[in-house]
Amino acid sequence: MGWLIALGVVALIAVIPLGVGVVYDQAGAAVRLLIGPASFLLYPSKNKKEKLPKKKQEKPTPKKTAQTQPQQEKKGGLLSDFMPLVKIAVDFLGDLRRKLRVNKLELKLTLAGDDPCDLAVNYGRAWAAVGNIMPQLERFFVIKKRDIDVQCDFVETRTTVYVRLDITITLGRLLSLAARYGIRVLRVFLKKAEIKKGGAVK
């Protein structure tokens, strides 16, 4: 009976959604960590304090030496060793893209101006841009809930925008991806180590 309870707990943990929520409004940008129904503010920090500018300390002038050391040249690794890692990274991002979920997408664009003609033109352009962007987003993500609106305000003098984007992935899917691609990366390094030792590569 105990193993059934443990299995149920593991199953519940595996379906917990993890992600980030981004909001941009008149207060600026804010980023939250999403764990199930709970959210934790990441940026800006509540405990952020203004740091006082430090006084510049005069650095002692270095003594001139008879011989100056040549600047070391930055040497890169072999491209042949790097390309397999690039392929793994591309595959990982492709799988990650298909497993991410956009739980909420909100966009409120308020066009400001006192000229009805200009506002009408900008209004049409704004919806045309939305019509071009949304199909691209839907190709990459599964969007569960969306609320997009473009409005005109003849009183305001500045155009404003409100954006909210909540992206999540379940813990089980994240661990599955990490295990699968972690093994692939490990194989690349083991293969490289065998080549250095002069062993046969399978």
Protein backbone atom coordinates (compact mmCIF):
# COMPACT_ATOMS: atom_id res chain seq x y z
CA MET A 1 0.00 0.00 0.00
CA GLY A 2 2.87 2.31 0.81
CA TRP A 3 4.34 2.05 -2.67
CA LEU A 4 0.99 3.00 -4.19
CA ILE A 5 0.92 6.17 -2.09
CA ALA A 6 4.51 6.96 -3.06
CA LEU A 7 3.68 6.37 -6.73
CA GLY A 8 0.68 8.68 -6.44
CA VAL A 9 2.79 11.40 -4.83
CA VAL A 10 5.42 11.12 -7.58
CA ALA A 11 2.69 11.30 -10.23
CA LEU A 12 1.23 14.43 -8.64
CA ILE A 13 4.65 16.08 -8.44
CA ALA A 14 5.35 15.21 -12.08
CA VAL A 15 2.31 17.15 -13.32
CA ILE A 16 3.07 20.31 -11.33
CA PRO A 17 3.50 23.13 -13.88
CA LEU A 18 6.65 25.22 -13.61
CA GLY A 19 7.31 28.40 -15.53
CA VAL A 20 7.65 32.15 -15.58
CA GLY A 21 5.15 34.95 -15.82
CA VAL A 22 6.11 38.26 -17.42
CA VAL A 23 4.06 41.43 -17.04
CA TYR A 24 4.73 44.84 -18.52
CA ASP A 25 2.56 47.78 -17.48
CA GLN A 26 2.88 51.37 -16.33
CA ALA A 27 5.04 50.25 -13.38
CA GLY A 28 7.56 48.63 -15.71
CA ALA A 29 8.50 44.99 -16.19
CA ALA A 30 7.94 42.27 -13.59
CA VAL A 31 8.96 38.61 -13.68
CA ARG A 32 7.43 35.91 -11.48
CA LEU A 33 8.34 32.28 -10.89
CA LEU A 34 5.26 30.07 -11.32
CA ILE A 35 5.01 26.82 -9.34
CA GLY A 36 1.53 25.39 -9.69
CA PRO A 37 -0.99 27.96 -8.44
CA ALA A 38 1.69 29.85 -6.49
CA SER A 39 3.84 32.66 -7.84
CA PHE A 40 6.98 34.31 -6.48
CA LEU A 41 8.31 37.69 -7.54
CA LEU A 42 11.77 37.46 -9.10
CA TYR A 43 12.14 40.93 -10.56
CA PRO A 44 12.09 43.61 -9.31
CA SER A 45 13.14 42.42 -5.88
CA LYS A 46 11.08 43.67 -2.96
CA ASN A 47 14.19 44.00 -0.81
CA LYS A 48 16.10 45.91 -3.45
CA LYS A 49 17.82 48.87 -1.89
CA GLU A 50 19.44 51.77 -3.60
CA LYS A 51 23.13 51.37 -3.40
CA LEU A 52 25.10 54.46 -2.54
CA PRO A 53 27.76 55.31 -5.08
CA LYS A 54 31.14 54.23 -3.86
CA LYS A 55 33.97 56.69 -3.79
CA LYS A 56 36.44 56.07 -6.49
CA GLN A 57 39.73 54.96 -5.07
CA GLU A 58 42.82 56.08 -6.82
CA LYS A 59 44.57 53.07 -8.22
CA PRO A 60 48.35 53.05 -7.82
CA THR A 61 50.12 53.55 -11.08
CA PRO A 62 51.81 50.31 -12.11
CA LYS A 63 55.54 50.39 -12.34
CA LYS A 64 56.91 50.15 -15.81
CA THR A 65 58.88 47.03 -16.48
CA ALA A 66 61.61 46.63 -19.00
CA GLN A 67 59.79 43.81 -20.74
CA THR A 68 56.05 43.72 -21.24
CA GLN A 69 54.33 40.33 -21.25
CA PRO A 70 52.59 39.58 -24.54
CA GLN A 71 48.81 39.31 -24.38
CA GLN A 72 47.69 35.68 -24.36
CA GLU A 73 45.77 34.68 -27.44
CA LYS A 74 42.32 33.22 -26.85
CA LYS A 75 42.28 29.74 -28.30
CA GLY A 76 39.06 27.96 -29.17
CA GLY A 77 38.16 24.30 -29.16
CA LEU A 78 37.81 22.12 -32.21
CA LEU A 79 34.77 22.81 -34.35
CA SER A 80 34.31 19.06 -34.88
CA ASP A 81 33.88 18.64 -31.11
CA PHE A 82 31.53 21.60 -30.85
CA MET A 83 29.07 20.76 -33.65
CA PRO A 84 27.57 17.65 -31.96
CA LEU A 85 26.74 19.82 -28.94
CA VAL A 86 25.10 22.37 -31.24
CA LYS A 87 22.90 19.65 -32.76
CA ILE A 88 21.87 18.46 -29.30
CA ALA A 89 21.04 22.04 -28.27
CA VAL A 90 18.90 22.57 -31.39
CA ASP A 91 17.03 19.29 -30.82
CA PHE A 92 16.52 20.18 -27.16
CA LEU A 93 15.06 23.59 -27.99
CA GLY A 94 12.78 21.97 -30.56
CA ASP A 95 11.43 19.46 -28.03
CA LEU A 96 11.19 22.12 -25.34
CA ARG A 97 9.19 24.36 -27.66
CA ARG A 98 6.61 21.64 -28.25
CA LYS A 99 6.22 20.96 -24.52
CA LEU A 100 5.88 24.58 -23.37
CA ARG A 101 2.39 25.90 -22.73
CA VAL A 102 1.25 29.51 -22.82
CA ASN A 103 -1.41 29.51 -20.12
CA LYS A 104 -2.25 33.16 -20.55
CA LEU A 105 -1.45 35.75 -23.19
CA GLU A 106 -2.78 39.27 -22.72
CA LEU A 107 -2.07 42.27 -24.91
CA LYS A 108 -3.78 45.63 -24.47
CA LEU A 109 -2.60 48.33 -26.85
CA THR A 110 -4.08 51.80 -26.40
CA LEU A 111 -3.34 54.17 -29.26
CA ALA A 112 -3.24 57.83 -28.28
CA GLY A 113 -3.84 60.87 -30.46
CA ASP A 114 -6.36 63.56 -31.31
CA ASP A 115 -6.38 63.03 -35.07
CA PRO A 116 -9.06 60.45 -36.06
CA CYS A 117 -7.44 59.81 -39.43
CA ASP A 118 -4.03 59.02 -37.95
CA LEU A 119 -5.60 56.82 -35.29
CA ALA A 120 -7.60 54.92 -37.89
CA VAL A 121 -4.43 54.22 -39.90
CA ASN A 122 -2.47 53.16 -36.81
CA TYR A 123 -5.40 51.04 -35.64
CA GLY A 124 -5.40 49.11 -38.89
CA ARG A 125 -1.62 48.68 -38.80
CA ALA A 126 -1.75 47.42 -35.22
CA TRP A 127 -4.31 44.72 -36.02
CA ALA A 128 -2.38 43.77 -39.14
CA ALA A 129 0.75 43.29 -37.00
CA VAL A 130 -1.22 41.17 -34.53
CA GLY A 131 -2.55 39.08 -37.41
CA ASN A 132 1.00 38.41 -38.59
CA ILE A 133 2.46 37.64 -35.16
CA MET A 134 -0.22 35.30 -33.76
CA PRO A 135 0.17 32.52 -36.38
CA GLN A 136 3.90 32.50 -35.70
CA LEU A 137 3.34 32.16 -31.94
CA GLU A 138 0.81 29.38 -32.49
CA ARG A 139 3.40 27.47 -34.51
CA PHE A 140 5.77 27.44 -31.56
CA PHE A 141 3.45 27.28 -28.56
CA VAL A 142 0.11 25.91 -27.44
CA ILE A 143 -1.82 28.98 -26.31
CA LYS A 144 -4.61 28.09 -23.89
CA LYS A 145 -6.03 31.53 -23.13
CA ARG A 146 -5.58 34.77 -25.02
CA ASP A 147 -6.98 38.25 -24.68
CA ILE A 148 -5.80 40.71 -27.32
CA ASP A 149 -7.32 44.13 -27.80
CA VAL A 150 -6.41 47.35 -29.58
CA GLN A 151 -8.15 50.55 -28.52
CA CYS A 152 -8.06 54.23 -29.45
CA ASP A 153 -7.98 57.04 -26.92
CA PHE A 154 -8.47 60.61 -28.14
CA VAL A 155 -7.67 62.09 -24.70
CA GLU A 156 -4.31 60.47 -23.91
CA THR A 157 -1.16 61.87 -25.45
CA ARG A 158 1.03 58.75 -25.19
CA THR A 159 0.42 55.26 -26.55
CA THR A 160 0.52 52.58 -23.85
CA VAL A 161 0.73 48.79 -23.86
CA TYR A 162 -0.04 46.12 -21.28
CA VAL A 163 1.41 42.64 -21.77
CA ARG A 164 1.09 39.50 -19.70
CA LEU A 165 2.64 36.16 -20.68
CA ASP A 166 2.55 33.01 -18.52
CA ILE A 167 4.62 30.10 -19.88
CA THR A 168 4.77 26.76 -18.04
CA ILE A 169 6.03 23.20 -18.43
CA THR A 170 5.28 20.25 -16.16
CA LEU A 171 8.06 19.02 -13.88
CA GLY A 172 7.79 15.53 -15.36
CA ARG A 173 8.36 16.77 -18.91
CA LEU A 174 11.25 18.94 -17.79
CA LEU A 175 12.97 16.05 -15.99
CA SER A 176 12.36 13.77 -18.97
CA LEU A 177 14.03 16.26 -21.33
CA ALA A 178 16.92 16.80 -18.92
CA ALA A 179 17.54 13.05 -18.61
CA ARG A 180 17.28 12.35 -22.35
CA TYR A 181 19.56 15.16 -23.50
CA GLY A 182 21.87 14.82 -20.51
CA ILE A 183 22.59 11.25 -21.65
CA ARG A 184 23.27 12.48 -25.21
CA VAL A 185 25.71 15.12 -23.95
CA LEU A 186 27.42 12.51 -21.73
CA ARG A 187 27.87 10.22 -24.73
CA VAL A 188 29.54 13.03 -26.68
CA PHE A 189 32.07 13.62 -23.89
CA LEU A 190 32.70 9.87 -23.43
CA LYS A 191 33.30 9.52 -27.16
CA LYS A 192 35.76 12.40 -27.05
CA ALA A 193 37.55 10.82 -24.09
CA GLU A 194 37.86 7.49 -25.93
CA ILE A 195 39.36 9.23 -28.95
CA LYS A 196 41.95 10.95 -26.75
CA LYS A 197 42.90 7.62 -25.21
CA GLY A 198 43.20 6.04 -28.63
CA GLY A 199 40.42 3.56 -28.03
CA ALA A 200 37.96 2.26 -30.57
CA VAL A 201 34.90 4.41 -31.08
CA LYS A 202 31.57 2.60 -31.50
